[in-house]
Amino acid sequence: MKKTMLALLALGMILVGTIWTFQGLGYLEGSAMTGVETWAVIGPLVAGLGVALLIVVMRPRDSD
């Protein structure tokens, strides 16, 4: 159960980070974040942390 919740959190971080990146770059409009360079930096950081979390969560555990 914990592994599933962490995996969902990681996927959410990836999705949100991707959206923030595209908003910061001006590709997604309709938000106060559109065209703000700060979000073009924060977005990839959040998405990258999500990918790292997903890798850690999905790694097989050693049974030693």
C-alpha atoms as a PDB file:
ATOM      1  CA  MET A   1       0.000   0.000   0.000  1.00  0.00           C
ATOM      2  CA  LYS A   2       2.805   2.428   0.907  1.00  0.00           C
ATOM      3  CA  LYS A   3       4.596   1.634  -2.359  1.00  0.00           C
ATOM      4  CA  THR A   4       1.430   2.369  -4.350  1.00  0.00           C
ATOM      5  CA  MET A   5       0.886   5.700  -2.604  1.00  0.00           C
ATOM      6  CA  LEU A   6       4.483   6.788  -3.166  1.00  0.00           C
ATOM      7  CA  ALA A   7       4.271   5.766  -6.824  1.00  0.00           C
ATOM      8  CA  LEU A   8       1.083   7.831  -7.239  1.00  0.00           C
ATOM      9  CA  LEU A   9       2.768  10.785  -5.539  1.00  0.00           C
ATOM     10  CA  ALA A  10       5.729  10.459  -7.912  1.00  0.00           C
ATOM     11  CA  LEU A  11       3.444  10.350 -10.952  1.00  0.00           C
ATOM     12  CA  GLY A  12       1.593  13.399  -9.662  1.00  0.00           C
ATOM     13  CA  MET A  13       4.881  15.271  -9.241  1.00  0.00           C
ATOM     14  CA  ILE A  14       5.874  14.371 -12.798  1.00  0.00           C
ATOM     15  CA  LEU A  15       2.532  15.561 -14.163  1.00  0.00           C
ATOM     16  CA  VAL A  16       2.508  18.812 -12.174  1.00  0.00           C
ATOM     17  CA  GLY A  17       6.150  19.519 -13.010  1.00  0.00           C
ATOM     18  CA  THR A  18       5.460  18.995 -16.701  1.00  0.00           C
ATOM     19  CA  ILE A  19       2.451  21.323 -16.608  1.00  0.00           C
ATOM     20  CA  TRP A  20       4.420  23.992 -14.740  1.00  0.00           C
ATOM     21  CA  THR A  21       7.250  23.716 -17.264  1.00  0.00           C
ATOM     22  CA  PHE A  22       4.948  24.193 -20.246  1.00  0.00           C
ATOM     23  CA  GLN A  23       3.178  27.084 -18.517  1.00  0.00           C
ATOM     24  CA  GLY A  24       6.477  28.747 -17.693  1.00  0.00           C
ATOM     25  CA  LEU A  25       7.616  28.393 -21.291  1.00  0.00           C
ATOM     26  CA  GLY A  26       4.335  29.873 -22.510  1.00  0.00           C
ATOM     27  CA  TYR A  27       3.013  26.747 -24.262  1.00  0.00           C
ATOM     28  CA  LEU A  28       0.009  26.406 -21.919  1.00  0.00           C
ATOM     29  CA  GLU A  29      -1.962  29.605 -21.533  1.00  0.00           C
ATOM     30  CA  GLY A  30      -4.735  30.749 -19.235  1.00  0.00           C
ATOM     31  CA  SER A  31      -2.830  31.037 -15.986  1.00  0.00           C
ATOM     32  CA  ALA A  32      -0.909  33.672 -14.061  1.00  0.00           C
ATOM     33  CA  MET A  33       2.056  31.295 -14.397  1.00  0.00           C
ATOM     34  CA  THR A  34       2.052  31.536 -18.206  1.00  0.00           C
ATOM     35  CA  GLY A  35       5.290  32.980 -19.509  1.00  0.00           C
ATOM     36  CA  VAL A  36       6.888  33.316 -16.048  1.00  0.00           C
ATOM     37  CA  GLU A  37      10.429  31.954 -16.275  1.00  0.00           C
ATOM     38  CA  THR A  38      10.427  30.894 -12.621  1.00  0.00           C
ATOM     39  CA  TRP A  39       7.970  28.110 -13.433  1.00  0.00           C
ATOM     40  CA  ALA A  40      10.109  27.025 -16.382  1.00  0.00           C
ATOM     41  CA  VAL A  41      12.816  26.286 -13.796  1.00  0.00           C
ATOM     42  CA  ILE A  42      10.713  24.930 -10.920  1.00  0.00           C
ATOM     43  CA  GLY A  43       8.711  22.597 -13.194  1.00  0.00           C
ATOM     44  CA  PRO A  44      11.619  20.430 -14.372  1.00  0.00           C
ATOM     45  CA  LEU A  45      12.974  20.272 -10.821  1.00  0.00           C
ATOM     46  CA  VAL A  46       9.668  18.941  -9.480  1.00  0.00           C
ATOM     47  CA  ALA A  47       9.312  16.521 -12.401  1.00  0.00           C
ATOM     48  CA  GLY A  48      12.890  15.320 -11.909  1.00  0.00           C
ATOM     49  CA  LEU A  49      12.286  14.695  -8.215  1.00  0.00           C
ATOM     50  CA  GLY A  50       9.165  12.750  -9.195  1.00  0.00           C
ATOM     51  CA  VAL A  51      11.180  10.585 -11.580  1.00  0.00           C
ATOM     52  CA  ALA A  52      13.810   9.973  -8.893  1.00  0.00           C
ATOM     53  CA  LEU A  53      11.114   9.021  -6.368  1.00  0.00           C
ATOM     54  CA  LEU A  54       9.478   6.678  -8.866  1.00  0.00           C
ATOM     55  CA  ILE A  55      12.815   4.962  -9.549  1.00  0.00           C
ATOM     56  CA  VAL A  56      13.435   4.462  -5.834  1.00  0.00           C
ATOM     57  CA  VAL A  57       9.895   3.192  -5.208  1.00  0.00           C
ATOM     58  CA  MET A  58       9.911   0.771  -8.136  1.00  0.00           C
ATOM     59  CA  ARG A  59      13.362  -0.647  -7.373  1.00  0.00           C
ATOM     60  CA  PRO A  60      13.140  -4.285  -6.314  1.00  0.00           C
ATOM     61  CA  ARG A  61      13.969  -4.846  -2.656  1.00  0.00           C
ATOM     62  CA  ASP A  62      16.766  -7.161  -1.630  1.00  0.00           C
ATOM     63  CA  SER A  63      15.592 -10.057   0.496  1.00  0.00           C
ATOM     64  CA  ASP A  64      18.857 -10.304   2.449  1.00  0.00           C
END
